[in-house]
Amino acid sequence: MIYGFKCEACGESQDIKIPTWDIHNKTKHSLGIDPIKLSKRLSEERECECGGKLKRQLTTLGDPMFVEVAKQRFL
């Protein structure tokens, strides 16, 4: 997952990829990302190239996208 971070010193915005392949939790009906482990990864301190600290920017995801699917038959 890619999150936006902004440097507190120089104000430059950076997109940083946060790996999530090892923090999945599996339930009976779904496979999702563990929110506690993800929040720990996002709160880790990161430094900019100029030496300042990066702070996570708030982003909006926009409206959800719905796709209509034809009825499926399972044998």
N, C-alpha and C. Protein backbone atom coordinates (compact mmCIF):
# COMPACT_ATOMS: atom_id res chain seq x y z
N MET A 1 0.84 -1.16 0.00
CA MET A 1 0.00 0.00 0.00
C MET A 1 0.89 1.23 0.00
N ILE A 2 0.48 2.24 -0.72
CA ILE A 2 1.26 3.46 -0.84
C ILE A 2 0.57 4.57 -0.05
N TYR A 3 1.33 5.23 0.82
CA TYR A 3 0.82 6.31 1.64
C TYR A 3 1.63 7.56 1.39
N GLY A 4 0.99 8.71 1.53
CA GLY A 4 1.65 9.99 1.34
C GLY A 4 2.21 10.52 2.64
N PHE A 5 3.45 10.96 2.60
CA PHE A 5 4.11 11.55 3.75
C PHE A 5 4.65 12.91 3.33
N LYS A 6 4.72 13.85 4.30
CA LYS A 6 5.22 15.19 4.02
C LYS A 6 6.29 15.53 5.04
N CYS A 7 7.38 16.14 4.54
CA CYS A 7 8.49 16.51 5.40
C CYS A 7 8.11 17.76 6.20
N GLU A 8 8.41 17.73 7.51
CA GLU A 8 8.12 18.89 8.35
C GLU A 8 9.13 20.01 8.13
N ALA A 9 10.34 19.68 7.66
CA ALA A 9 11.37 20.70 7.48
C ALA A 9 11.27 21.40 6.13
N CYS A 10 11.29 20.63 5.04
CA CYS A 10 11.32 21.25 3.71
C CYS A 10 9.94 21.30 3.04
N GLY A 11 8.96 20.54 3.54
CA GLY A 11 7.61 20.56 2.98
C GLY A 11 7.42 19.70 1.75
N GLU A 12 8.39 18.88 1.39
CA GLU A 12 8.29 18.03 0.20
C GLU A 12 7.40 16.82 0.50
N SER A 13 6.52 16.49 -0.44
CA SER A 13 5.65 15.33 -0.29
C SER A 13 6.30 14.11 -0.94
N GLN A 14 6.16 12.97 -0.29
CA GLN A 14 6.73 11.73 -0.80
C GLN A 14 5.70 10.62 -0.66
N ASP A 15 5.68 9.73 -1.64
CA ASP A 15 4.85 8.53 -1.58
C ASP A 15 5.73 7.38 -1.13
N ILE A 16 5.35 6.73 -0.04
CA ILE A 16 6.15 5.64 0.51
C ILE A 16 5.31 4.37 0.52
N LYS A 17 5.90 3.30 0.01
CA LYS A 17 5.21 2.01 -0.04
C LYS A 17 5.41 1.29 1.29
N ILE A 18 4.29 0.92 1.90
CA ILE A 18 4.31 0.19 3.16
C ILE A 18 3.99 -1.27 2.85
N PRO A 19 4.92 -2.20 3.12
CA PRO A 19 4.64 -3.61 2.80
C PRO A 19 3.59 -4.18 3.75
N THR A 20 2.63 -4.90 3.17
CA THR A 20 1.55 -5.50 3.97
C THR A 20 1.42 -7.00 3.74
N TRP A 21 2.35 -7.61 3.03
CA TRP A 21 2.21 -9.02 2.68
C TRP A 21 2.29 -9.93 3.89
N ASP A 22 2.89 -9.48 4.99
CA ASP A 22 3.06 -10.35 6.14
C ASP A 22 2.16 -9.99 7.33
N ILE A 23 1.22 -9.06 7.17
CA ILE A 23 0.37 -8.67 8.29
C ILE A 23 -1.10 -8.95 8.00
N HIS A 24 -1.38 -9.97 7.25
CA HIS A 24 -2.76 -10.34 6.94
C HIS A 24 -3.34 -11.18 8.07
N ASN A 25 -4.64 -11.01 8.29
CA ASN A 25 -5.34 -11.90 9.21
C ASN A 25 -6.43 -12.62 8.42
N LYS A 26 -6.60 -13.86 8.69
CA LYS A 26 -7.53 -14.67 7.92
C LYS A 26 -8.68 -15.09 8.83
N THR A 27 -9.89 -14.80 8.37
CA THR A 27 -11.08 -15.24 9.09
C THR A 27 -11.82 -16.24 8.22
N LYS A 28 -12.96 -16.68 8.69
CA LYS A 28 -13.70 -17.70 7.97
C LYS A 28 -14.14 -17.23 6.58
N HIS A 29 -14.53 -15.96 6.47
CA HIS A 29 -15.10 -15.48 5.22
C HIS A 29 -14.27 -14.41 4.51
N SER A 30 -13.14 -14.01 5.07
CA SER A 30 -12.39 -12.94 4.41
C SER A 30 -10.91 -13.02 4.75
N LEU A 31 -10.15 -12.28 3.97
CA LEU A 31 -8.73 -12.13 4.19
C LEU A 31 -8.46 -10.64 4.20
N GLY A 32 -8.00 -10.13 5.31
CA GLY A 32 -7.81 -8.69 5.43
C GLY A 32 -6.48 -8.36 6.07
N ILE A 33 -6.21 -7.08 6.18
CA ILE A 33 -4.97 -6.60 6.78
C ILE A 33 -5.25 -6.30 8.24
N ASP A 34 -4.36 -6.73 9.10
CA ASP A 34 -4.50 -6.50 10.53
C ASP A 34 -4.32 -5.01 10.81
N PRO A 35 -5.36 -4.30 11.26
CA PRO A 35 -5.27 -2.85 11.43
C PRO A 35 -4.29 -2.42 12.52
N ILE A 36 -4.08 -3.24 13.54
CA ILE A 36 -3.15 -2.88 14.61
C ILE A 36 -1.72 -2.90 14.10
N LYS A 37 -1.36 -3.95 13.37
CA LYS A 37 -0.01 -4.04 12.83
C LYS A 37 0.23 -2.98 11.76
N LEU A 38 -0.80 -2.67 10.96
CA LEU A 38 -0.66 -1.62 9.95
C LEU A 38 -0.44 -0.26 10.60
N SER A 39 -1.16 0.04 11.67
CA SER A 39 -0.98 1.33 12.34
C SER A 39 0.40 1.44 12.96
N LYS A 40 0.97 0.32 13.44
CA LYS A 40 2.34 0.35 13.96
C LYS A 40 3.34 0.67 12.86
N ARG A 41 3.14 0.09 11.68
CA ARG A 41 4.04 0.37 10.57
C ARG A 41 3.93 1.82 10.09
N LEU A 42 2.72 2.34 10.10
CA LEU A 42 2.53 3.72 9.66
C LEU A 42 3.09 4.72 10.67
N SER A 43 3.13 4.36 11.95
CA SER A 43 3.62 5.28 12.97
C SER A 43 5.14 5.23 13.16
N GLU A 44 5.83 4.34 12.44
CA GLU A 44 7.29 4.31 12.53
C GLU A 44 7.88 5.64 12.05
N GLU A 45 8.96 6.07 12.69
CA GLU A 45 9.59 7.33 12.30
C GLU A 45 10.33 7.16 10.98
N ARG A 46 10.14 8.14 10.09
CA ARG A 46 10.81 8.14 8.79
C ARG A 46 11.47 9.48 8.60
N GLU A 47 12.61 9.46 7.91
CA GLU A 47 13.36 10.69 7.69
C GLU A 47 13.38 11.05 6.21
N CYS A 48 13.35 12.35 5.95
CA CYS A 48 13.45 12.88 4.59
C CYS A 48 14.93 12.92 4.18
N GLU A 49 15.17 13.13 2.90
CA GLU A 49 16.54 13.26 2.41
C GLU A 49 17.24 14.47 3.00
N CYS A 50 16.46 15.51 3.37
CA CYS A 50 17.06 16.72 3.94
C CYS A 50 17.37 16.57 5.42
N GLY A 51 16.91 15.49 6.04
CA GLY A 51 17.16 15.25 7.46
C GLY A 51 15.96 15.52 8.34
N GLY A 52 14.89 16.07 7.78
CA GLY A 52 13.68 16.33 8.56
C GLY A 52 12.85 15.07 8.73
N LYS A 53 11.87 15.15 9.61
CA LYS A 53 11.00 14.00 9.86
C LYS A 53 9.80 14.05 8.93
N LEU A 54 9.40 12.86 8.46
CA LEU A 54 8.22 12.74 7.60
C LEU A 54 6.99 12.50 8.45
N LYS A 55 5.92 13.19 8.12
CA LYS A 55 4.65 13.03 8.82
C LYS A 55 3.61 12.57 7.81
N ARG A 56 2.78 11.62 8.20
CA ARG A 56 1.77 11.05 7.29
C ARG A 56 0.70 12.08 6.98
N GLN A 57 0.35 12.16 5.69
CA GLN A 57 -0.72 13.05 5.25
C GLN A 57 -2.04 12.30 5.28
N LEU A 58 -3.11 13.01 5.55
CA LEU A 58 -4.43 12.41 5.49
C LEU A 58 -4.89 12.41 4.04
N THR A 59 -5.41 11.29 3.60
CA THR A 59 -5.86 11.17 2.22
C THR A 59 -7.31 10.71 2.20
N THR A 60 -8.00 11.01 1.12
CA THR A 60 -9.36 10.52 0.95
C THR A 60 -9.35 9.46 -0.13
N LEU A 61 -10.18 8.47 0.05
CA LEU A 61 -10.24 7.37 -0.91
C LEU A 61 -11.25 7.62 -2.01
N GLY A 62 -12.13 8.59 -1.83
CA GLY A 62 -13.14 8.85 -2.84
C GLY A 62 -14.34 7.93 -2.66
N ASP A 63 -15.21 7.96 -3.64
CA ASP A 63 -16.42 7.14 -3.58
C ASP A 63 -16.09 5.69 -3.91
N PRO A 64 -16.79 4.73 -3.27
CA PRO A 64 -16.56 3.32 -3.59
C PRO A 64 -17.05 3.00 -5.00
N MET A 65 -16.41 2.04 -5.63
CA MET A 65 -16.78 1.64 -6.98
C MET A 65 -17.51 0.30 -6.89
N PHE A 66 -18.69 0.24 -7.48
CA PHE A 66 -19.47 -0.99 -7.49
C PHE A 66 -19.52 -1.53 -8.91
N VAL A 67 -19.36 -2.82 -9.03
CA VAL A 67 -19.37 -3.47 -10.33
C VAL A 67 -20.49 -4.51 -10.33
N GLU A 68 -21.34 -4.45 -11.33
CA GLU A 68 -22.43 -5.41 -11.42
C GLU A 68 -21.91 -6.68 -12.08
N VAL A 69 -22.20 -7.80 -11.44
CA VAL A 69 -21.71 -9.09 -11.92
C VAL A 69 -22.92 -9.96 -12.25
N ALA A 70 -22.83 -10.69 -13.37
CA ALA A 70 -23.91 -11.61 -13.76
C ALA A 70 -23.98 -12.75 -12.74
N LYS A 71 -25.17 -13.33 -12.61
CA LYS A 71 -25.36 -14.42 -11.67
C LYS A 71 -24.48 -15.62 -12.05
N GLN A 72 -23.84 -16.18 -11.05
CA GLN A 72 -22.95 -17.30 -11.30
C GLN A 72 -23.54 -18.57 -10.69
N ARG A 73 -23.26 -19.68 -11.34
CA ARG A 73 -23.75 -20.97 -10.83
C ARG A 73 -22.54 -21.80 -10.43
N PHE A 74 -22.64 -22.37 -9.27
CA PHE A 74 -21.59 -23.24 -8.77
C PHE A 74 -22.13 -24.65 -8.72
N LEU A 75 -21.36 -25.57 -9.25
CA LEU A 75 -21.80 -26.98 -9.26
C LEU A 75 -21.26 -27.72 -8.07
